[in-house]
Amino acid sequence: MGTALFGLASTGALAQGAIDEGQKLFTQAAVPACAVCHTLRHAGANGEVGPDLDELRPDASRVEKAVRTGIGQMPAFTGLTDAQVKLLANYVSTVAGAGR
């Protein structure tokens, strides 16, 4: 994955391709899928184990740290590449709480 995929668009928001890839990671590609435990409206996720990310509205560095090291019941996602972790973190931090 090139850096352009998870880079910021000129408007300050993630490019649509990065949004789509981040959503796919959140809902399917990460094992277990983030959507199983977390609520995130943009992803259509209504998990009840982990925190509601729309309410928490974490920044990308917080998401990246949690994905890399785990937190509480959440495992570390060691099967994701660095690029995937950054993409996922940027996706969550961009869309969490959107449309409130």
PDB file of N, CA and C in Angstrom:
ATOM      1  N   MET A   1       0.831  -1.165   0.000  1.00  0.00           N
ATOM      2  CA  MET A   1       0.000   0.000   0.000  1.00  0.00           C
ATOM      3  C   MET A   1       0.878   1.230   0.000  1.00  0.00           C
ATOM      4  N   GLY A   2       0.658   2.136  -0.909  1.00  0.00           N
ATOM      5  CA  GLY A   2       1.448   3.352  -0.955  1.00  0.00           C
ATOM      6  C   GLY A   2       0.978   4.355   0.061  1.00  0.00           C
ATOM      7  N   THR A   3       1.827   5.329   0.352  1.00  0.00           N
ATOM      8  CA  THR A   3       1.454   6.333   1.336  1.00  0.00           C
ATOM      9  C   THR A   3       0.302   7.198   0.865  1.00  0.00           C
ATOM     10  N   ALA A   4       0.109   7.321  -0.436  1.00  0.00           N
ATOM     11  CA  ALA A   4      -1.001   8.122  -0.937  1.00  0.00           C
ATOM     12  C   ALA A   4      -2.344   7.530  -0.524  1.00  0.00           C
ATOM     13  N   LEU A   5      -2.389   6.238  -0.328  1.00  0.00           N
ATOM     14  CA  LEU A   5      -3.644   5.595   0.023  1.00  0.00           C
ATOM     15  C   LEU A   5      -4.166   6.061   1.369  1.00  0.00           C
ATOM     16  N   PHE A   6      -3.267   6.252   2.333  1.00  0.00           N
ATOM     17  CA  PHE A   6      -3.763   6.701   3.623  1.00  0.00           C
ATOM     18  C   PHE A   6      -3.347   8.127   3.938  1.00  0.00           C
ATOM     19  N   GLY A   7      -2.878   8.843   2.930  1.00  0.00           N
ATOM     20  CA  GLY A   7      -2.519  10.246   3.113  1.00  0.00           C
ATOM     21  C   GLY A   7      -3.759  11.109   3.203  1.00  0.00           C
ATOM     22  N   LEU A   8      -3.570  12.315   3.648  1.00  0.00           N
ATOM     23  CA  LEU A   8      -4.688  13.235   3.766  1.00  0.00           C
ATOM     24  C   LEU A   8      -4.923  13.940   2.448  1.00  0.00           C
ATOM     25  N   ALA A   9      -6.159  14.132   2.099  1.00  0.00           N
ATOM     26  CA  ALA A   9      -6.517  14.894   0.909  1.00  0.00           C
ATOM     27  C   ALA A   9      -6.303  16.369   1.208  1.00  0.00           C
ATOM     28  N   SER A  10      -6.328  17.192   0.191  1.00  0.00           N
ATOM     29  CA  SER A  10      -6.069  18.616   0.372  1.00  0.00           C
ATOM     30  C   SER A  10      -7.113  19.285   1.252  1.00  0.00           C
ATOM     31  N   THR A  11      -8.291  18.712   1.376  1.00  0.00           N
ATOM     32  CA  THR A  11      -9.338  19.291   2.204  1.00  0.00           C
ATOM     33  C   THR A  11      -9.133  18.988   3.689  1.00  0.00           C
ATOM     34  N   GLY A  12      -8.154  18.156   4.024  1.00  0.00           N
ATOM     35  CA  GLY A  12      -7.929  17.796   5.415  1.00  0.00           C
ATOM     36  C   GLY A  12      -8.649  16.524   5.811  1.00  0.00           C
ATOM     37  N   ALA A  13      -9.470  15.992   4.946  1.00  0.00           N
ATOM     38  CA  ALA A  13     -10.182  14.743   5.215  1.00  0.00           C
ATOM     39  C   ALA A  13      -9.465  13.615   4.478  1.00  0.00           C
ATOM     40  N   LEU A  14      -9.742  12.407   4.878  1.00  0.00           N
ATOM     41  CA  LEU A  14      -9.157  11.276   4.162  1.00  0.00           C
ATOM     42  C   LEU A  14      -9.754  11.183   2.766  1.00  0.00           C
ATOM     43  N   ALA A  15      -8.935  10.793   1.817  1.00  0.00           N
ATOM     44  CA  ALA A  15      -9.423  10.555   0.464  1.00  0.00           C
ATOM     45  C   ALA A  15     -10.433   9.416   0.495  1.00  0.00           C
ATOM     46  N   GLN A  16     -11.381   9.420  -0.435  1.00  0.00           N
ATOM     47  CA  GLN A  16     -12.445   8.410  -0.437  1.00  0.00           C
ATOM     48  C   GLN A  16     -11.890   6.994  -0.502  1.00  0.00           C
ATOM     49  N   GLY A  17     -10.826   6.777  -1.262  1.00  0.00           N
ATOM     50  CA  GLY A  17     -10.228   5.442  -1.327  1.00  0.00           C
ATOM     51  C   GLY A  17      -9.732   4.982   0.022  1.00  0.00           C
ATOM     52  N   ALA A  18      -9.143   5.892   0.790  1.00  0.00           N
ATOM     53  CA  ALA A  18      -8.656   5.556   2.126  1.00  0.00           C
ATOM     54  C   ALA A  18      -9.816   5.297   3.076  1.00  0.00           C
ATOM     55  N   ILE A  19     -10.889   6.057   2.932  1.00  0.00           N
ATOM     56  CA  ILE A  19     -12.097   5.827   3.743  1.00  0.00           C
ATOM     57  C   ILE A  19     -12.624   4.418   3.468  1.00  0.00           C
ATOM     58  N   ASP A  20     -12.730   4.067   2.196  1.00  0.00           N
ATOM     59  CA  ASP A  20     -13.251   2.748   1.827  1.00  0.00           C
ATOM     60  C   ASP A  20     -12.363   1.625   2.350  1.00  0.00           C
ATOM     61  N   GLU A  21     -11.050   1.775   2.208  1.00  0.00           N
ATOM     62  CA  GLU A  21     -10.115   0.749   2.691  1.00  0.00           C
ATOM     63  C   GLU A  21     -10.136   0.660   4.214  1.00  0.00           C
ATOM     64  N   GLY A  22     -10.215   1.806   4.897  1.00  0.00           N
ATOM     65  CA  GLY A  22     -10.289   1.806   6.350  1.00  0.00           C
ATOM     66  C   GLY A  22     -11.557   1.146   6.850  1.00  0.00           C
ATOM     67  N   GLN A  23     -12.663   1.415   6.173  1.00  0.00           N
ATOM     68  CA  GLN A  23     -13.933   0.788   6.546  1.00  0.00           C
ATOM     69  C   GLN A  23     -13.852  -0.723   6.353  1.00  0.00           C
ATOM     70  N   LYS A  24     -13.232  -1.164   5.273  1.00  0.00           N
ATOM     71  CA  LYS A  24     -13.088  -2.598   5.031  1.00  0.00           C
ATOM     72  C   LYS A  24     -12.241  -3.247   6.123  1.00  0.00           C
ATOM     73  N   LEU A  25     -11.161  -2.589   6.532  1.00  0.00           N
ATOM     74  CA  LEU A  25     -10.340  -3.111   7.630  1.00  0.00           C
ATOM     75  C   LEU A  25     -11.174  -3.217   8.905  1.00  0.00           C
ATOM     76  N   PHE A  26     -11.938  -2.183   9.206  1.00  0.00           N
ATOM     77  CA  PHE A  26     -12.736  -2.122  10.426  1.00  0.00           C
ATOM     78  C   PHE A  26     -13.816  -3.197  10.453  1.00  0.00           C
ATOM     79  N   THR A  27     -14.449  -3.436   9.310  1.00  0.00           N
ATOM     80  CA  THR A  27     -15.595  -4.339   9.282  1.00  0.00           C
ATOM     81  C   THR A  27     -15.258  -5.779   8.919  1.00  0.00           C
ATOM     82  N   GLN A  28     -14.121  -6.017   8.217  1.00  0.00           N
ATOM     83  CA  GLN A  28     -13.852  -7.358   7.720  1.00  0.00           C
ATOM     84  C   GLN A  28     -12.418  -7.836   7.868  1.00  0.00           C
ATOM     85  N   ALA A  29     -11.457  -7.022   7.479  1.00  0.00           N
ATOM     86  CA  ALA A  29     -10.090  -7.508   7.283  1.00  0.00           C
ATOM     87  C   ALA A  29      -9.314  -7.731   8.577  1.00  0.00           C
ATOM     88  N   ALA A  30      -9.536  -6.919   9.583  1.00  0.00           N
ATOM     89  CA  ALA A  30      -8.869  -7.150  10.868  1.00  0.00           C
ATOM     90  C   ALA A  30      -9.510  -8.389  11.497  1.00  0.00           C
ATOM     91  N   VAL A  31      -8.706  -9.210  12.147  1.00  0.00           N
ATOM     92  CA  VAL A  31      -9.222 -10.444  12.754  1.00  0.00           C
ATOM     93  C   VAL A  31      -8.890 -10.436  14.242  1.00  0.00           C
ATOM     94  N   PRO A  32      -9.913 -10.391  15.110  1.00  0.00           N
ATOM     95  CA  PRO A  32     -11.339 -10.261  14.811  1.00  0.00           C
ATOM     96  C   PRO A  32     -11.648  -8.857  14.300  1.00  0.00           C
ATOM     97  N   ALA A  33     -12.737  -8.729  13.561  1.00  0.00           N
ATOM     98  CA  ALA A  33     -13.132  -7.435  13.009  1.00  0.00           C
ATOM     99  C   ALA A  33     -13.471  -6.468  14.133  1.00  0.00           C
ATOM    100  N   CYS A  34     -13.037  -5.245  13.984  1.00  0.00           N
ATOM    101  CA  CYS A  34     -13.300  -4.206  14.988  1.00  0.00           C
ATOM    102  C   CYS A  34     -14.802  -4.041  15.220  1.00  0.00           C
ATOM    103  N   ALA A  35     -15.576  -4.193  14.134  1.00  0.00           N
ATOM    104  CA  ALA A  35     -17.020  -4.000  14.189  1.00  0.00           C
ATOM    105  C   ALA A  35     -17.731  -5.005  15.087  1.00  0.00           C
ATOM    106  N   VAL A  36     -17.084  -6.111  15.409  1.00  0.00           N
ATOM    107  CA  VAL A  36     -17.690  -7.102  16.292  1.00  0.00           C
ATOM    108  C   VAL A  36     -17.868  -6.518  17.692  1.00  0.00           C
ATOM    109  N   CYS A  37     -16.926  -5.684  18.115  1.00  0.00           N
ATOM    110  CA  CYS A  37     -16.936  -5.165  19.488  1.00  0.00           C
ATOM    111  C   CYS A  37     -17.311  -3.687  19.601  1.00  0.00           C
ATOM    112  N   HIS A  38     -16.989  -2.908  18.591  1.00  0.00           N
ATOM    113  CA  HIS A  38     -17.155  -1.455  18.676  1.00  0.00           C
ATOM    114  C   HIS A  38     -18.340  -0.948  17.873  1.00  0.00           C
ATOM    115  N   THR A  39     -18.966   0.114  18.376  1.00  0.00           N
ATOM    116  CA  THR A  39     -19.976   0.847  17.630  1.00  0.00           C
ATOM    117  C   THR A  39     -19.270   1.960  16.868  1.00  0.00           C
ATOM    118  N   LEU A  40     -19.559   2.048  15.592  1.00  0.00           N
ATOM    119  CA  LEU A  40     -19.068   3.122  14.731  1.00  0.00           C
ATOM    120  C   LEU A  40     -20.099   3.291  13.626  1.00  0.00           C
ATOM    121  N   ARG A  41     -20.860   4.360  13.713  1.00  0.00           N
ATOM    122  CA  ARG A  41     -21.992   4.594  12.813  1.00  0.00           C
ATOM    123  C   ARG A  41     -21.583   4.487  11.341  1.00  0.00           C
ATOM    124  N   HIS A  42     -20.490   5.126  10.965  1.00  0.00           N
ATOM    125  CA  HIS A  42     -20.066   5.138   9.558  1.00  0.00           C
ATOM    126  C   HIS A  42     -19.877   3.727   9.007  1.00  0.00           C
ATOM    127  N   ALA A  43     -19.420   2.820   9.838  1.00  0.00           N
ATOM    128  CA  ALA A  43     -19.168   1.440   9.414  1.00  0.00           C
ATOM    129  C   ALA A  43     -20.391   0.548   9.573  1.00  0.00           C
ATOM    130  N   GLY A  44     -21.493   1.089  10.099  1.00  0.00           N
ATOM    131  CA  GLY A  44     -22.682   0.278  10.340  1.00  0.00           C
ATOM    132  C   GLY A  44     -22.466  -0.728  11.457  1.00  0.00           C
ATOM    133  N   ALA A  45     -21.557  -0.418  12.381  1.00  0.00           N
ATOM    134  CA  ALA A  45     -21.185  -1.345  13.454  1.00  0.00           C
ATOM    135  C   ALA A  45     -21.894  -0.968  14.749  1.00  0.00           C
ATOM    136  N   ASN A  46     -22.426  -1.995  15.425  1.00  0.00           N
ATOM    137  CA  ASN A  46     -23.143  -1.794  16.681  1.00  0.00           C
ATOM    138  C   ASN A  46     -22.637  -2.726  17.763  1.00  0.00           C
ATOM    139  N   GLY A  47     -21.327  -2.858  17.878  1.00  0.00           N
ATOM    140  CA  GLY A  47     -20.748  -3.717  18.904  1.00  0.00           C
ATOM    141  C   GLY A  47     -21.039  -3.190  20.300  1.00  0.00           C
ATOM    142  N   GLU A  48     -21.054  -4.095  21.257  1.00  0.00           N
ATOM    143  CA  GLU A  48     -21.389  -3.700  22.630  1.00  0.00           C
ATOM    144  C   GLU A  48     -20.315  -4.082  23.645  1.00  0.00           C
ATOM    145  N   VAL A  49     -19.183  -4.609  23.182  1.00  0.00           N
ATOM    146  CA  VAL A  49     -18.130  -5.015  24.107  1.00  0.00           C
ATOM    147  C   VAL A  49     -17.153  -3.872  24.349  1.00  0.00           C
ATOM    148  N   GLY A  50     -16.654  -3.291  23.277  1.00  0.00           N
ATOM    149  CA  GLY A  50     -15.701  -2.186  23.374  1.00  0.00           C
ATOM    150  C   GLY A  50     -16.421  -0.859  23.430  1.00  0.00           C
ATOM    151  N   PRO A  51     -15.670   0.216  23.621  1.00  0.00           N
ATOM    152  CA  PRO A  51     -16.307   1.532  23.687  1.00  0.00           C
ATOM    153  C   PRO A  51     -16.952   1.934  22.361  1.00  0.00           C
ATOM    154  N   ASP A  52     -17.964   2.776  22.460  1.00  0.00           N
ATOM    155  CA  ASP A  52     -18.627   3.381  21.312  1.00  0.00           C
ATOM    156  C   ASP A  52     -17.668   4.432  20.762  1.00  0.00           C
ATOM    157  N   LEU A  53     -17.125   4.185  19.587  1.00  0.00           N
ATOM    158  CA  LEU A  53     -16.119   5.079  19.029  1.00  0.00           C
ATOM    159  C   LEU A  53     -16.699   6.409  18.591  1.00  0.00           C
ATOM    160  N   ASP A  54     -18.001   6.464  18.299  1.00  0.00           N
ATOM    161  CA  ASP A  54     -18.641   7.737  17.980  1.00  0.00           C
ATOM    162  C   ASP A  54     -18.679   8.649  19.204  1.00  0.00           C
ATOM    163  N   GLU A  55     -18.829   8.073  20.368  1.00  0.00           N
ATOM    164  CA  GLU A  55     -18.812   8.859  21.600  1.00  0.00           C
ATOM    165  C   GLU A  55     -17.391   9.185  22.041  1.00  0.00           C
ATOM    166  N   LEU A  56     -16.497   8.224  21.921  1.00  0.00           N
ATOM    167  CA  LEU A  56     -15.107   8.397  22.353  1.00  0.00           C
ATOM    168  C   LEU A  56     -14.350   9.372  21.458  1.00  0.00           C
ATOM    169  N   ARG A  57     -14.576   9.294  20.151  1.00  0.00           N
ATOM    170  CA  ARG A  57     -13.926  10.146  19.150  1.00  0.00           C
ATOM    171  C   ARG A  57     -12.410  10.193  19.339  1.00  0.00           C
ATOM    172  N   PRO A  58     -11.753   9.030  19.308  1.00  0.00           N
ATOM    173  CA  PRO A  58     -10.312   8.993  19.546  1.00  0.00           C
ATOM    174  C   PRO A  58      -9.519   9.598  18.386  1.00  0.00           C
ATOM    175  N   ASP A  59      -8.358  10.169  18.713  1.00  0.00           N
ATOM    176  CA  ASP A  59      -7.495  10.646  17.640  1.00  0.00           C
ATOM    177  C   ASP A  59      -6.720   9.464  17.070  1.00  0.00           C
ATOM    178  N   ALA A  60      -6.073   9.674  15.940  1.00  0.00           N
ATOM    179  CA  ALA A  60      -5.400   8.582  15.230  1.00  0.00           C
ATOM    180  C   ALA A  60      -4.306   7.937  16.072  1.00  0.00           C
ATOM    181  N   SER A  61      -3.568   8.719  16.839  1.00  0.00           N
ATOM    182  CA  SER A  61      -2.482   8.125  17.635  1.00  0.00           C
ATOM    183  C   SER A  61      -3.029   7.208  18.723  1.00  0.00           C
ATOM    184  N   ARG A  62      -4.166   7.553  19.285  1.00  0.00           N
ATOM    185  CA  ARG A  62      -4.786   6.697  20.312  1.00  0.00           C
ATOM    186  C   ARG A  62      -5.265   5.379  19.706  1.00  0.00           C
ATOM    187  N   VAL A  63      -5.876   5.459  18.533  1.00  0.00           N
ATOM    188  CA  VAL A  63      -6.343   4.249  17.856  1.00  0.00           C
ATOM    189  C   VAL A  63      -5.153   3.380  17.470  1.00  0.00           C
ATOM    190  N   GLU A  64      -4.128   4.004  16.907  1.00  0.00           N
ATOM    191  CA  GLU A  64      -2.947   3.254  16.478  1.00  0.00           C
ATOM    192  C   GLU A  64      -2.305   2.520  17.649  1.00  0.00           C
ATOM    193  N   LYS A  65      -2.181   3.186  18.781  1.00  0.00           N
ATOM    194  CA  LYS A  65      -1.586   2.550  19.963  1.00  0.00           C
ATOM    195  C   LYS A  65      -2.433   1.360  20.427  1.00  0.00           C
ATOM    196  N   ALA A  66      -3.757   1.538  20.473  1.00  0.00           N
ATOM    197  CA  ALA A  66      -4.641   0.454  20.915  1.00  0.00           C
ATOM    198  C   ALA A  66      -4.568  -0.735  19.958  1.00  0.00           C
ATOM    199  N   VAL A  67      -4.515  -0.472  18.666  1.00  0.00           N
ATOM    200  CA  VAL A  67      -4.453  -1.548  17.671  1.00  0.00           C
ATOM    201  C   VAL A  67      -3.121  -2.292  17.778  1.00  0.00           C
ATOM    202  N   ARG A  68      -2.045  -1.559  17.977  1.00  0.00           N
ATOM    203  CA  ARG A  68      -0.714  -2.180  18.026  1.00  0.00           C
ATOM    204  C   ARG A  68      -0.457  -2.958  19.327  1.00  0.00           C
ATOM    205  N   THR A  69      -0.939  -2.444  20.453  1.00  0.00           N
ATOM    206  CA  THR A  69      -0.582  -3.039  21.743  1.00  0.00           C
ATOM    207  C   THR A  69      -1.739  -3.707  22.466  1.00  0.00           C
ATOM    208  N   GLY A  70      -2.962  -3.460  22.016  1.00  0.00           N
ATOM    209  CA  GLY A  70      -4.130  -3.960  22.731  1.00  0.00           C
ATOM    210  C   GLY A  70      -4.420  -3.077  23.926  1.00  0.00           C
ATOM    211  N   ILE A  71      -5.634  -3.194  24.447  1.00  0.00           N
ATOM    212  CA  ILE A  71      -6.028  -2.409  25.617  1.00  0.00           C
ATOM    213  C   ILE A  71      -7.240  -3.105  26.244  1.00  0.00           C
ATOM    214  N   GLY A  72      -7.192  -3.339  27.537  1.00  0.00           N
ATOM    215  CA  GLY A  72      -8.293  -4.047  28.192  1.00  0.00           C
ATOM    216  C   GLY A  72      -8.493  -5.416  27.568  1.00  0.00           C
ATOM    217  N   GLN A  73      -9.721  -5.705  27.144  1.00  0.00           N
ATOM    218  CA  GLN A  73     -10.044  -6.981  26.503  1.00  0.00           C
ATOM    219  C   GLN A  73      -9.624  -7.020  25.032  1.00  0.00           C
ATOM    220  N   MET A  74      -9.294  -5.866  24.478  1.00  0.00           N
ATOM    221  CA  MET A  74      -8.939  -5.793  23.064  1.00  0.00           C
ATOM    222  C   MET A  74      -7.530  -6.336  22.838  1.00  0.00           C
ATOM    223  N   PRO A  75      -7.384  -7.284  21.904  1.00  0.00           N
ATOM    224  CA  PRO A  75      -6.060  -7.835  21.627  1.00  0.00           C
ATOM    225  C   PRO A  75      -5.235  -6.902  20.751  1.00  0.00           C
ATOM    226  N   ALA A  76      -3.932  -7.107  20.729  1.00  0.00           N
ATOM    227  CA  ALA A  76      -3.064  -6.430  19.767  1.00  0.00           C
ATOM    228  C   ALA A  76      -3.301  -7.089  18.407  1.00  0.00           C
ATOM    229  N   PHE A  77      -3.346  -6.287  17.369  1.00  0.00           N
ATOM    230  CA  PHE A  77      -3.580  -6.798  16.021  1.00  0.00           C
ATOM    231  C   PHE A  77      -2.247  -6.935  15.299  1.00  0.00           C
ATOM    232  N   THR A  78      -1.517  -7.985  15.628  1.00  0.00           N
ATOM    233  CA  THR A  78      -0.177  -8.188  15.102  1.00  0.00           C
ATOM    234  C   THR A  78      -0.174  -8.651  13.647  1.00  0.00           C
ATOM    235  N   GLY A  79      -1.295  -9.042  13.117  1.00  0.00           N
ATOM    236  CA  GLY A  79      -1.377  -9.497  11.736  1.00  0.00           C
ATOM    237  C   GLY A  79      -1.554  -8.375  10.724  1.00  0.00           C
ATOM    238  N   LEU A  80      -1.682  -7.133  11.199  1.00  0.00           N
ATOM    239  CA  LEU A  80      -1.835  -5.999  10.292  1.00  0.00           C
ATOM    240  C   LEU A  80      -0.473  -5.378  10.000  1.00  0.00           C
ATOM    241  N   THR A  81      -0.293  -4.911   8.785  1.00  0.00           N
ATOM    242  CA  THR A  81       0.941  -4.210   8.427  1.00  0.00           C
ATOM    243  C   THR A  81       0.919  -2.806   9.044  1.00  0.00           C
ATOM    244  N   ASP A  82       2.073  -2.157   9.068  1.00  0.00           N
ATOM    245  CA  ASP A  82       2.127  -0.777   9.557  1.00  0.00           C
ATOM    246  C   ASP A  82       1.185   0.126   8.763  1.00  0.00           C
ATOM    247  N   ALA A  83       1.174  -0.055   7.446  1.00  0.00           N
ATOM    248  CA  ALA A  83       0.299   0.753   6.596  1.00  0.00           C
ATOM    249  C   ALA A  83      -1.167   0.513   6.933  1.00  0.00           C
ATOM    250  N   GLN A  84      -1.552  -0.732   7.185  1.00  0.00           N
ATOM    251  CA  GLN A  84      -2.938  -1.041   7.542  1.00  0.00           C
ATOM    252  C   GLN A  84      -3.315  -0.433   8.889  1.00  0.00           C
ATOM    253  N   VAL A  85      -2.407  -0.485   9.858  1.00  0.00           N
ATOM    254  CA  VAL A  85      -2.676   0.100  11.169  1.00  0.00           C
ATOM    255  C   VAL A  85      -2.896   1.605  11.034  1.00  0.00           C
ATOM    256  N   LYS A  86      -2.044   2.270  10.283  1.00  0.00           N
ATOM    257  CA  LYS A  86      -2.187   3.719  10.085  1.00  0.00           C
ATOM    258  C   LYS A  86      -3.477   4.042   9.348  1.00  0.00           C
ATOM    259  N   LEU A  87      -3.800   3.265   8.346  1.00  0.00           N
ATOM    260  CA  LEU A  87      -5.028   3.462   7.586  1.00  0.00           C
ATOM    261  C   LEU A  87      -6.248   3.303   8.488  1.00  0.00           C
ATOM    262  N   LEU A  88      -6.267   2.258   9.278  1.00  0.00           N
ATOM    263  CA  LEU A  88      -7.365   2.005  10.207  1.00  0.00           C
ATOM    264  C   LEU A  88      -7.488   3.131  11.235  1.00  0.00           C
ATOM    265  N   ALA A  89      -6.364   3.550  11.793  1.00  0.00           N
ATOM    266  CA  ALA A  89      -6.369   4.622  12.791  1.00  0.00           C
ATOM    267  C   ALA A  89      -6.869   5.933  12.198  1.00  0.00           C
ATOM    268  N   ASN A  90      -6.426   6.264  10.999  1.00  0.00           N
ATOM    269  CA  ASN A  90      -6.877   7.491  10.343  1.00  0.00           C
ATOM    270  C   ASN A  90      -8.354   7.420   9.995  1.00  0.00           C
ATOM    271  N   TYR A  91      -8.811   6.252   9.567  1.00  0.00           N
ATOM    272  CA  TYR A  91     -10.227   6.069   9.256  1.00  0.00           C
ATOM    273  C   TYR A  91     -11.090   6.315  10.499  1.00  0.00           C
ATOM    274  N   VAL A  92     -10.779   5.613  11.574  1.00  0.00           N
ATOM    275  CA  VAL A  92     -11.582   5.737  12.792  1.00  0.00           C
ATOM    276  C   VAL A  92     -11.582   7.178  13.296  1.00  0.00           C
ATOM    277  N   SER A  93     -10.403   7.800  13.348  1.00  0.00           N
ATOM    278  CA  SER A  93     -10.325   9.166  13.882  1.00  0.00           C
ATOM    279  C   SER A  93     -11.058  10.168  12.985  1.00  0.00           C
ATOM    280  N   THR A  94     -11.147   9.877  11.704  1.00  0.00           N
ATOM    281  CA  THR A  94     -11.835  10.785  10.770  1.00  0.00           C
ATOM    282  C   THR A  94     -13.349  10.638  10.847  1.00  0.00           C
ATOM    283  N   VAL A  95     -13.856   9.431  10.922  1.00  0.00           N
ATOM    284  CA  VAL A  95     -15.309   9.222  10.834  1.00  0.00           C
ATOM    285  C   VAL A  95     -16.008   9.129  12.185  1.00  0.00           C
ATOM    286  N   ALA A  96     -15.294   8.890  13.265  1.00  0.00           N
ATOM    287  CA  ALA A  96     -15.939   8.745  14.579  1.00  0.00           C
ATOM    288  C   ALA A  96     -16.666  10.036  14.952  1.00  0.00           C
ATOM    289  N   GLY A  97     -17.930   9.898  15.263  1.00  0.00           N
ATOM    290  CA  GLY A  97     -18.733  11.033  15.676  1.00  0.00           C
ATOM    291  C   GLY A  97     -19.265  11.875  14.518  1.00  0.00           C
ATOM    292  N   ALA A  98     -18.937  11.498  13.288  1.00  0.00           N
ATOM    293  CA  ALA A  98     -19.415  12.258  12.129  1.00  0.00           C
ATOM    294  C   ALA A  98     -20.928  12.189  12.048  1.00  0.00           C
ATOM    295  N   GLY A  99     -21.526  13.282  11.702  1.00  0.00           N
ATOM    296  CA  GLY A  99     -22.977  13.317  11.525  1.00  0.00           C
ATOM    297  C   GLY A  99     -23.744  13.466  12.820  1.00  0.00           C
ATOM    298  N   ARG A 100     -23.058  13.805  13.898  1.00  0.00           N
ATOM    299  CA  ARG A 100     -23.757  13.984  15.183  1.00  0.00           C
ATOM    300  C   ARG A 100     -24.409  15.327  15.223  1.00  0.00           C
TER     301      ARG A 100
END
